Amino acid sequence: LLLVSADFMASQYCAGIEMKRALERQDSGSARVVPILI
């Protein structure tokens, strides 16, 4: 679950590491990514 806000997008850890890896896992079919616009 990606709890999306400007702060989330500005966070190097959230957007740069966690989101990046989550989307890689989504693309490989090993996880589902659900963005939630907060």
PDB file of all heavy atoms in Angstrom:
ATOM      1  N   LEU A   1       0.852  -1.179   0.000  1.00  0.00           N
ATOM      2  CA  LEU A   1       0.000   0.000   0.000  1.00  0.00           C
ATOM      3  C   LEU A   1       0.889   1.230   0.000  1.00  0.00           C
ATOM      4  O   LEU A   1       1.731   1.383   0.880  1.00  0.00           O
ATOM      5  CB  LEU A   1      -0.904   0.007   1.240  1.00  0.00           C
ATOM      6  CG  LEU A   1      -1.757  -1.232   1.463  1.00  0.00           C
ATOM      7  CD1 LEU A   1      -2.523  -1.118   2.785  1.00  0.00           C
ATOM      8  CD2 LEU A   1      -2.706  -1.455   0.297  1.00  0.00           C
ATOM      9  N   LEU A   2       0.704   2.096  -0.990  1.00  0.00           N
ATOM     10  CA  LEU A   2       1.443   3.354  -1.061  1.00  0.00           C
ATOM     11  C   LEU A   2       0.498   4.462  -0.624  1.00  0.00           C
ATOM     12  O   LEU A   2      -0.491   4.740  -1.322  1.00  0.00           O
ATOM     13  CB  LEU A   2       1.918   3.630  -2.490  1.00  0.00           C
ATOM     14  CG  LEU A   2       2.733   2.545  -3.195  1.00  0.00           C
ATOM     15  CD1 LEU A   2       3.057   2.981  -4.626  1.00  0.00           C
ATOM     16  CD2 LEU A   2       4.003   2.222  -2.422  1.00  0.00           C
ATOM     17  N   LEU A   3       0.752   5.090   0.513  1.00  0.00           N
ATOM     18  CA  LEU A   3      -0.079   6.196   0.988  1.00  0.00           C
ATOM     19  C   LEU A   3       0.506   7.474   0.401  1.00  0.00           C
ATOM     20  O   LEU A   3       1.464   8.030   0.923  1.00  0.00           O
ATOM     21  CB  LEU A   3      -0.123   6.237   2.518  1.00  0.00           C
ATOM     22  CG  LEU A   3      -1.182   5.322   3.146  1.00  0.00           C
ATOM     23  CD1 LEU A   3      -0.993   3.875   2.771  1.00  0.00           C
ATOM     24  CD2 LEU A   3      -1.231   5.498   4.627  1.00  0.00           C
ATOM     25  N   VAL A   4      -0.086   7.911  -0.699  1.00  0.00           N
ATOM     26  CA  VAL A   4       0.502   8.940  -1.541  1.00  0.00           C
ATOM     27  C   VAL A   4       0.105  10.349  -1.110  1.00  0.00           C
ATOM     28  O   VAL A   4      -1.071  10.653  -0.906  1.00  0.00           O
ATOM     29  CB  VAL A   4       0.108   8.711  -3.015  1.00  0.00           C
ATOM     30  CG1 VAL A   4       0.720   9.768  -3.908  1.00  0.00           C
ATOM     31  CG2 VAL A   4       0.524   7.307  -3.470  1.00  0.00           C
ATOM     32  N   SER A   5       1.119  11.178  -0.993  1.00  0.00           N
ATOM     33  CA  SER A   5       0.980  12.604  -0.688  1.00  0.00           C
ATOM     34  C   SER A   5       2.231  13.281  -1.245  1.00  0.00           C
ATOM     35  O   SER A   5       3.153  12.603  -1.709  1.00  0.00           O
ATOM     36  CB  SER A   5       0.898  12.822   0.828  1.00  0.00           C
ATOM     37  OG  SER A   5       2.142  12.515   1.448  1.00  0.00           O
ATOM     38  N   ALA A   6       2.272  14.592  -1.178  1.00  0.00           N
ATOM     39  CA  ALA A   6       3.482  15.297  -1.614  1.00  0.00           C
ATOM     40  C   ALA A   6       4.678  14.878  -0.757  1.00  0.00           C
ATOM     41  O   ALA A   6       5.791  14.739  -1.263  1.00  0.00           O
ATOM     42  CB  ALA A   6       3.268  16.807  -1.546  1.00  0.00           C
ATOM     43  N   ASP A   7       4.440  14.668   0.539  1.00  0.00           N
ATOM     44  CA  ASP A   7       5.534  14.237   1.417  1.00  0.00           C
ATOM     45  C   ASP A   7       6.031  12.846   1.042  1.00  0.00           C
ATOM     46  O   ASP A   7       7.230  12.573   1.093  1.00  0.00           O
ATOM     47  CB  ASP A   7       5.087  14.271   2.881  1.00  0.00           C
ATOM     48  CG  ASP A   7       4.961  15.690   3.394  1.00  0.00           C
ATOM     49  OD1 ASP A   7       5.990  16.379   3.497  1.00  0.00           O
ATOM     50  OD2 ASP A   7       3.830  16.128   3.667  1.00  0.00           O
ATOM     51  N   PHE A   8       5.126  11.965   0.664  1.00  0.00           N
ATOM     52  CA  PHE A   8       5.511  10.627   0.210  1.00  0.00           C
ATOM     53  C   PHE A   8       6.379  10.746  -1.039  1.00  0.00           C
ATOM     54  O   PHE A   8       7.441  10.131  -1.132  1.00  0.00           O
ATOM     55  CB  PHE A   8       4.257   9.793  -0.082  1.00  0.00           C
ATOM     56  CG  PHE A   8       4.548   8.444  -0.667  1.00  0.00           C
ATOM     57  CD1 PHE A   8       4.756   7.349   0.155  1.00  0.00           C
ATOM     58  CD2 PHE A   8       4.616   8.253  -2.039  1.00  0.00           C
ATOM     59  CE1 PHE A   8       5.029   6.092  -0.378  1.00  0.00           C
ATOM     60  CE2 PHE A   8       4.892   7.014  -2.588  1.00  0.00           C
ATOM     61  CZ  PHE A   8       5.104   5.924  -1.757  1.00  0.00           C
ATOM     62  N   MET A   9       5.921  11.538  -2.002  1.00  0.00           N
ATOM     63  CA  MET A   9       6.655  11.688  -3.258  1.00  0.00           C
ATOM     64  C   MET A   9       8.014  12.360  -3.041  1.00  0.00           C
ATOM     65  O   MET A   9       8.960  12.091  -3.775  1.00  0.00           O
ATOM     66  CB  MET A   9       5.822  12.472  -4.274  1.00  0.00           C
ATOM     67  CG  MET A   9       4.531  11.781  -4.677  1.00  0.00           C
ATOM     68  SD  MET A   9       4.743  10.105  -5.336  1.00  0.00           S
ATOM     69  CE  MET A   9       5.574  10.449  -6.882  1.00  0.00           C
ATOM     70  N   ALA A  10       8.115  13.232  -2.034  1.00  0.00           N
ATOM     71  CA  ALA A  10       9.371  13.930  -1.748  1.00  0.00           C
ATOM     72  C   ALA A  10      10.343  13.088  -0.933  1.00  0.00           C
ATOM     73  O   ALA A  10      11.531  13.413  -0.860  1.00  0.00           O
ATOM     74  CB  ALA A  10       9.083  15.236  -1.007  1.00  0.00           C
ATOM     75  N   SER A  11       9.868  12.016  -0.343  1.00  0.00           N
ATOM     76  CA  SER A  11      10.710  11.172   0.497  1.00  0.00           C
ATOM     77  C   SER A  11      11.586  10.270  -0.358  1.00  0.00           C
ATOM     78  O   SER A  11      11.076   9.438  -1.119  1.00  0.00           O
ATOM     79  CB  SER A  11       9.844  10.307   1.417  1.00  0.00           C
ATOM     80  OG  SER A  11      10.620   9.281   2.006  1.00  0.00           O
ATOM     81  N   GLN A  12      12.879  10.424  -0.224  1.00  0.00           N
ATOM     82  CA  GLN A  12      13.808   9.575  -0.966  1.00  0.00           C
ATOM     83  C   GLN A  12      13.603   8.109  -0.588  1.00  0.00           C
ATOM     84  O   GLN A  12      13.693   7.234  -1.440  1.00  0.00           O
ATOM     85  CB  GLN A  12      15.254   9.996  -0.717  1.00  0.00           C
ATOM     86  CG  GLN A  12      16.291   9.139  -1.418  1.00  0.00           C
ATOM     87  CD  GLN A  12      16.072   8.969  -2.922  1.00  0.00           C
ATOM     88  OE1 GLN A  12      15.666   9.887  -3.612  1.00  0.00           O
ATOM     89  NE2 GLN A  12      16.338   7.787  -3.430  1.00  0.00           N
ATOM     90  N   TYR A  13      13.301   7.848   0.667  1.00  0.00           N
ATOM     91  CA  TYR A  13      13.145   6.454   1.082  1.00  0.00           C
ATOM     92  C   TYR A  13      11.836   5.869   0.563  1.00  0.00           C
ATOM     93  O   TYR A  13      11.812   4.777   0.003  1.00  0.00           O
ATOM     94  CB  TYR A  13      13.243   6.293   2.609  1.00  0.00           C
ATOM     95  CG  TYR A  13      13.709   4.911   2.961  1.00  0.00           C
ATOM     96  CD1 TYR A  13      15.066   4.610   3.004  1.00  0.00           C
ATOM     97  CD2 TYR A  13      12.804   3.890   3.199  1.00  0.00           C
ATOM     98  CE1 TYR A  13      15.506   3.332   3.271  1.00  0.00           C
ATOM     99  CE2 TYR A  13      13.234   2.604   3.469  1.00  0.00           C
ATOM    100  CZ  TYR A  13      14.590   2.326   3.508  1.00  0.00           C
ATOM    101  OH  TYR A  13      15.027   1.054   3.756  1.00  0.00           O
ATOM    102  N   CYS A  14      10.730   6.606   0.745  1.00  0.00           N
ATOM    103  CA  CYS A  14       9.424   6.106   0.278  1.00  0.00           C
ATOM    104  C   CYS A  14       9.397   5.952  -1.234  1.00  0.00           C
ATOM    105  O   CYS A  14       9.105   4.877  -1.756  1.00  0.00           O
ATOM    106  CB  CYS A  14       8.295   7.035   0.715  1.00  0.00           C
ATOM    107  SG  CYS A  14       7.988   7.044   2.481  1.00  0.00           S
ATOM    108  N   ALA A  15       9.657   7.035  -1.935  1.00  0.00           N
ATOM    109  CA  ALA A  15       9.546   7.033  -3.395  1.00  0.00           C
ATOM    110  C   ALA A  15      10.759   6.404  -4.075  1.00  0.00           C
ATOM    111  O   ALA A  15      10.615   5.706  -5.073  1.00  0.00           O
ATOM    112  CB  ALA A  15       9.331   8.458  -3.902  1.00  0.00           C
ATOM    113  N   GLY A  16      11.935   6.648  -3.513  1.00  0.00           N
ATOM    114  CA  GLY A  16      13.148   6.178  -4.165  1.00  0.00           C
ATOM    115  C   GLY A  16      13.506   4.735  -3.905  1.00  0.00           C
ATOM    116  O   GLY A  16      14.135   4.087  -4.746  1.00  0.00           O
ATOM    117  N   ILE A  17      13.104   4.217  -2.771  1.00  0.00           N
ATOM    118  CA  ILE A  17      13.480   2.845  -2.414  1.00  0.00           C
ATOM    119  C   ILE A  17      12.251   1.940  -2.328  1.00  0.00           C
ATOM    120  O   ILE A  17      12.125   0.967  -3.073  1.00  0.00           O
ATOM    121  CB  ILE A  17      14.289   2.825  -1.103  1.00  0.00           C
ATOM    122  CG1 ILE A  17      15.618   3.570  -1.322  1.00  0.00           C
ATOM    123  CG2 ILE A  17      14.536   1.394  -0.625  1.00  0.00           C
ATOM    124  CD1 ILE A  17      16.449   3.774  -0.073  1.00  0.00           C
ATOM    125  N   GLU A  18      11.322   2.254  -1.403  1.00  0.00           N
ATOM    126  CA  GLU A  18      10.171   1.371  -1.191  1.00  0.00           C
ATOM    127  C   GLU A  18       9.271   1.288  -2.420  1.00  0.00           C
ATOM    128  O   GLU A  18       8.918   0.195  -2.868  1.00  0.00           O
ATOM    129  CB  GLU A  18       9.365   1.837   0.026  1.00  0.00           C
ATOM    130  CG  GLU A  18      10.105   1.653   1.329  1.00  0.00           C
ATOM    131  CD  GLU A  18       9.368   2.196   2.536  1.00  0.00           C
ATOM    132  OE1 GLU A  18       8.292   2.834   2.377  1.00  0.00           O
ATOM    133  OE2 GLU A  18       9.855   1.980   3.663  1.00  0.00           O
ATOM    134  N   MET A  19       8.882   2.432  -2.969  1.00  0.00           N
ATOM    135  CA  MET A  19       7.992   2.421  -4.127  1.00  0.00           C
ATOM    136  C   MET A  19       8.675   1.761  -5.328  1.00  0.00           C
ATOM    137  O   MET A  19       8.060   0.966  -6.039  1.00  0.00           O
ATOM    138  CB  MET A  19       7.550   3.833  -4.492  1.00  0.00           C
ATOM    139  CG  MET A  19       6.647   3.879  -5.727  1.00  0.00           C
ATOM    140  SD  MET A  19       6.107   5.538  -6.147  1.00  0.00           S
ATOM    141  CE  MET A  19       7.636   6.323  -6.620  1.00  0.00           C
ATOM    142  N   LYS A  20       9.933   2.081  -5.535  1.00  0.00           N
ATOM    143  CA  LYS A  20      10.665   1.498  -6.662  1.00  0.00           C
ATOM    144  C   LYS A  20      10.671  -0.027  -6.571  1.00  0.00           C
ATOM    145  O   LYS A  20      10.362  -0.722  -7.541  1.00  0.00           O
ATOM    146  CB  LYS A  20      12.097   2.040  -6.702  1.00  0.00           C
ATOM    147  CG  LYS A  20      12.909   1.503  -7.851  1.00  0.00           C
ATOM    148  CD  LYS A  20      14.320   2.046  -7.835  1.00  0.00           C
ATOM    149  CE  LYS A  20      15.109   1.403  -8.960  1.00  0.00           C
ATOM    150  NZ  LYS A  20      16.531   1.616  -8.822  1.00  0.00           N
ATOM    151  N   ARG A  21      10.991  -0.555  -5.400  1.00  0.00           N
ATOM    152  CA  ARG A  21      11.042  -2.011  -5.240  1.00  0.00           C
ATOM    153  C   ARG A  21       9.637  -2.620  -5.341  1.00  0.00           C
ATOM    154  O   ARG A  21       9.452  -3.686  -5.931  1.00  0.00           O
ATOM    155  CB  ARG A  21      11.685  -2.385  -3.893  1.00  0.00           C
ATOM    156  CG  ARG A  21      11.772  -3.876  -3.666  1.00  0.00           C
ATOM    157  CD  ARG A  21      12.609  -4.570  -4.750  1.00  0.00           C
ATOM    158  NE  ARG A  21      12.508  -6.014  -4.610  1.00  0.00           N
ATOM    159  CZ  ARG A  21      12.347  -6.854  -5.634  1.00  0.00           C
ATOM    160  NH1 ARG A  21      12.330  -6.407  -6.885  1.00  0.00           N
ATOM    161  NH2 ARG A  21      12.228  -8.140  -5.422  1.00  0.00           N
ATOM    162  N   ALA A  22       8.644  -1.931  -4.782  1.00  0.00           N
ATOM    163  CA  ALA A  22       7.258  -2.422  -4.861  1.00  0.00           C
ATOM    164  C   ALA A  22       6.823  -2.541  -6.319  1.00  0.00           C
ATOM    165  O   ALA A  22       6.208  -3.551  -6.708  1.00  0.00           O
ATOM    166  CB  ALA A  22       6.332  -1.492  -4.094  1.00  0.00           C
ATOM    167  N   LEU A  23       7.136  -1.549  -7.131  1.00  0.00           N
ATOM    168  CA  LEU A  23       6.741  -1.592  -8.544  1.00  0.00           C
ATOM    169  C   LEU A  23       7.494  -2.681  -9.307  1.00  0.00           C
ATOM    170  O   LEU A  23       6.937  -3.314 -10.212  1.00  0.00           O
ATOM    171  CB  LEU A  23       6.940  -0.227  -9.187  1.00  0.00           C
ATOM    172  CG  LEU A  23       5.976   0.850  -8.686  1.00  0.00           C
ATOM    173  CD1 LEU A  23       6.361   2.225  -9.223  1.00  0.00           C
ATOM    174  CD2 LEU A  23       4.531   0.506  -9.023  1.00  0.00           C
ATOM    175  N   GLU A  24       8.744  -2.939  -8.935  1.00  0.00           N
ATOM    176  CA  GLU A  24       9.479  -4.061  -9.532  1.00  0.00           C
ATOM    177  C   GLU A  24       8.776  -5.377  -9.198  1.00  0.00           C
ATOM    178  O   GLU A  24       8.621  -6.243 -10.063  1.00  0.00           O
ATOM    179  CB  GLU A  24      10.919  -4.098  -9.009  1.00  0.00           C
ATOM    180  CG  GLU A  24      11.795  -2.976  -9.522  1.00  0.00           C
ATOM    181  CD  GLU A  24      13.145  -2.890  -8.819  1.00  0.00           C
ATOM    182  OE1 GLU A  24      13.381  -3.636  -7.830  1.00  0.00           O
ATOM    183  OE2 GLU A  24      13.963  -2.059  -9.245  1.00  0.00           O
ATOM    184  N   ARG A  25       8.331  -5.508  -7.962  1.00  0.00           N
ATOM    185  CA  ARG A  25       7.631  -6.722  -7.557  1.00  0.00           C
ATOM    186  C   ARG A  25       6.277  -6.833  -8.258  1.00  0.00           C
ATOM    187  O   ARG A  25       5.867  -7.918  -8.636  1.00  0.00           O
ATOM    188  CB  ARG A  25       7.468  -6.767  -6.028  1.00  0.00           C
ATOM    189  CG  ARG A  25       8.831  -6.904  -5.323  1.00  0.00           C
ATOM    190  CD  ARG A  25       8.724  -7.379  -3.906  1.00  0.00           C
ATOM    191  NE  ARG A  25       8.067  -8.668  -3.883  1.00  0.00           N
ATOM    192  CZ  ARG A  25       7.101  -8.996  -3.014  1.00  0.00           C
ATOM    193  NH1 ARG A  25       6.702  -8.135  -2.102  1.00  0.00           N
ATOM    194  NH2 ARG A  25       6.552 -10.190  -3.049  1.00  0.00           N
ATOM    195  N   GLN A  26       5.591  -5.703  -8.452  1.00  0.00           N
ATOM    196  CA  GLN A  26       4.325  -5.693  -9.204  1.00  0.00           C
ATOM    197  C   GLN A  26       4.581  -6.183 -10.630  1.00  0.00           C
ATOM    198  O   GLN A  26       3.856  -7.040 -11.140  1.00  0.00           O
ATOM    199  CB  GLN A  26       3.734  -4.286  -9.214  1.00  0.00           C
ATOM    200  CG  GLN A  26       2.638  -4.054 -10.246  1.00  0.00           C
ATOM    201  CD  GLN A  26       1.240  -4.235  -9.720  1.00  0.00           C
ATOM    202  OE1 GLN A  26       1.031  -4.354  -8.527  1.00  0.00           O
ATOM    203  NE2 GLN A  26       0.287  -4.248 -10.618  1.00  0.00           N
ATOM    204  N   ASP A  27       5.609  -5.645 -11.262  1.00  0.00           N
ATOM    205  CA  ASP A  27       5.917  -6.003 -12.644  1.00  0.00           C
ATOM    206  C   ASP A  27       6.300  -7.476 -12.791  1.00  0.00           C
ATOM    207  O   ASP A  27       6.011  -8.082 -13.818  1.00  0.00           O
ATOM    208  CB  ASP A  27       7.029  -5.108 -13.204  1.00  0.00           C
ATOM    209  CG  ASP A  27       6.572  -3.662 -13.381  1.00  0.00           C
ATOM    210  OD1 ASP A  27       5.344  -3.404 -13.396  1.00  0.00           O
ATOM    211  OD2 ASP A  27       7.452  -2.781 -13.495  1.00  0.00           O
ATOM    212  N   SER A  28       6.922  -8.043 -11.767  1.00  0.00           N
ATOM    213  CA  SER A  28       7.303  -9.452 -11.828  1.00  0.00           C
ATOM    214  C   SER A  28       6.153 -10.376 -11.432  1.00  0.00           C
ATOM    215  O   SER A  28       6.265 -11.594 -11.560  1.00  0.00           O
ATOM    216  CB  SER A  28       8.506  -9.722 -10.907  1.00  0.00           C
ATOM    217  OG  SER A  28       8.104  -9.702  -9.544  1.00  0.00           O
ATOM    218  N   GLY A  29       5.072  -9.796 -10.941  1.00  0.00           N
ATOM    219  CA  GLY A  29       3.916 -10.600 -10.537  1.00  0.00           C
ATOM    220  C   GLY A  29       4.015 -11.171  -9.138  1.00  0.00           C
ATOM    221  O   GLY A  29       3.200 -11.996  -8.739  1.00  0.00           O
ATOM    222  N   SER A  30       4.997 -10.730  -8.352  1.00  0.00           N
ATOM    223  CA  SER A  30       5.178 -11.288  -7.012  1.00  0.00           C
ATOM    224  C   SER A  30       4.475 -10.493  -5.922  1.00  0.00           C
ATOM    225  O   SER A  30       4.472 -10.906  -4.760  1.00  0.00           O
ATOM    226  CB  SER A  30       6.674 -11.421  -6.690  1.00  0.00           C
ATOM    227  OG  SER A  30       7.289 -10.151  -6.655  1.00  0.00           O
ATOM    228  N   ALA A  31       3.884  -9.364  -6.274  1.00  0.00           N
ATOM    229  CA  ALA A  31       3.134  -8.554  -5.308  1.00  0.00           C
ATOM    230  C   ALA A  31       2.167  -7.663  -6.069  1.00  0.00           C
ATOM    231  O   ALA A  31       2.328  -7.431  -7.273  1.00  0.00           O
ATOM    232  CB  ALA A  31       4.070  -7.699  -4.456  1.00  0.00           C
ATOM    233  N   ARG A  32       1.183  -7.170  -5.371  1.00  0.00           N
ATOM    234  CA  ARG A  32       0.228  -6.194  -5.932  1.00  0.00           C
ATOM    235  C   ARG A  32       0.473  -4.866  -5.239  1.00  0.00           C
ATOM    236  O   ARG A  32       0.572  -4.818  -4.011  1.00  0.00           O
ATOM    237  CB  ARG A  32      -1.189  -6.671  -5.668  1.00  0.00           C
ATOM    238  CG  ARG A  32      -2.277  -5.733  -6.150  1.00  0.00           C
ATOM    239  CD  ARG A  32      -2.535  -5.811  -7.639  1.00  0.00           C
ATOM    240  NE  ARG A  32      -2.968  -7.119  -8.057  1.00  0.00           N
ATOM    241  CZ  ARG A  32      -4.243  -7.503  -8.113  1.00  0.00           C
ATOM    242  NH1 ARG A  32      -5.205  -6.669  -7.808  1.00  0.00           N
ATOM    243  NH2 ARG A  32      -4.545  -8.716  -8.500  1.00  0.00           N
ATOM    244  N   VAL A  33       0.573  -3.799  -6.000  1.00  0.00           N
ATOM    245  CA  VAL A  33       0.779  -2.463  -5.456  1.00  0.00           C
ATOM    246  C   VAL A  33      -0.529  -1.692  -5.586  1.00  0.00           C
ATOM    247  O   VAL A  33      -1.125  -1.645  -6.665  1.00  0.00           O
ATOM    248  CB  VAL A  33       1.909  -1.718  -6.189  1.00  0.00           C
ATOM    249  CG1 VAL A  33       2.045  -0.293  -5.675  1.00  0.00           C
ATOM    250  CG2 VAL A  33       3.227  -2.481  -6.030  1.00  0.00           C
ATOM    251  N   VAL A  34      -0.967  -1.101  -4.465  1.00  0.00           N
ATOM    252  CA  VAL A  34      -2.202  -0.319  -4.449  1.00  0.00           C
ATOM    253  C   VAL A  34      -1.879   1.089  -3.955  1.00  0.00           C
ATOM    254  O   VAL A  34      -1.651   1.291  -2.767  1.00  0.00           O
ATOM    255  CB  VAL A  34      -3.271  -0.964  -3.536  1.00  0.00           C
ATOM    256  CG1 VAL A  34      -4.539  -0.118  -3.529  1.00  0.00           C
ATOM    257  CG2 VAL A  34      -3.567  -2.400  -3.965  1.00  0.00           C
ATOM    258  N   PRO A  35      -1.855   2.066  -4.865  1.00  0.00           N
ATOM    259  CA  PRO A  35      -1.666   3.449  -4.427  1.00  0.00           C
ATOM    260  C   PRO A  35      -2.967   3.977  -3.804  1.00  0.00           C
ATOM    261  O   PRO A  35      -4.054   3.746  -4.333  1.00  0.00           O
ATOM    262  CB  PRO A  35      -1.347   4.208  -5.715  1.00  0.00           C
ATOM    263  CG  PRO A  35      -1.152   3.172  -6.772  1.00  0.00           C
ATOM    264  CD  PRO A  35      -1.849   1.951  -6.315  1.00  0.00           C
ATOM    265  N   ILE A  36      -2.826   4.660  -2.686  1.00  0.00           N
ATOM    266  CA  ILE A  36      -3.962   5.268  -1.992  1.00  0.00           C
ATOM    267  C   ILE A  36      -3.663   6.752  -1.887  1.00  0.00           C
ATOM    268  O   ILE A  36      -2.703   7.145  -1.218  1.00  0.00           O
ATOM    269  CB  ILE A  36      -4.174   4.642  -0.599  1.00  0.00           C
ATOM    270  CG1 ILE A  36      -4.409   3.131  -0.728  1.00  0.00           C
ATOM    271  CG2 ILE A  36      -5.326   5.328   0.129  1.00  0.00           C
ATOM    272  CD1 ILE A  36      -4.361   2.383   0.594  1.00  0.00           C
ATOM    273  N   LEU A  37      -4.463   7.554  -2.547  1.00  0.00           N
ATOM    274  CA  LEU A  37      -4.242   9.001  -2.553  1.00  0.00           C
ATOM    275  C   LEU A  37      -4.807   9.585  -1.265  1.00  0.00           C
ATOM    276  O   LEU A  37      -6.016   9.620  -1.072  1.00  0.00           O
ATOM    277  CB  LEU A  37      -4.923   9.626  -3.777  1.00  0.00           C
ATOM    278  CG  LEU A  37      -4.652  11.097  -4.030  1.00  0.00           C
ATOM    279  CD1 LEU A  37      -3.154  11.381  -4.165  1.00  0.00           C
ATOM    280  CD2 LEU A  37      -5.402  11.557  -5.280  1.00  0.00           C
ATOM    281  N   ILE A  38      -3.918  10.024  -0.382  1.00  0.00           N
ATOM    282  CA  ILE A  38      -4.397  10.534   0.909  1.00  0.00           C
ATOM    283  C   ILE A  38      -4.441  12.054   0.967  1.00  0.00           C
ATOM    284  O   ILE A  38      -5.300  12.620   1.630  1.00  0.00           O
ATOM    285  CB  ILE A  38      -3.588   9.960   2.088  1.00  0.00           C
ATOM    286  CG1 ILE A  38      -2.115  10.249   1.951  1.00  0.00           C
ATOM    287  CG2 ILE A  38      -3.853   8.471   2.227  1.00  0.00           C
ATOM    288  CD1 ILE A  38      -1.309   9.890   3.186  1.00  0.00           C
TER     289      ILE A  38
END
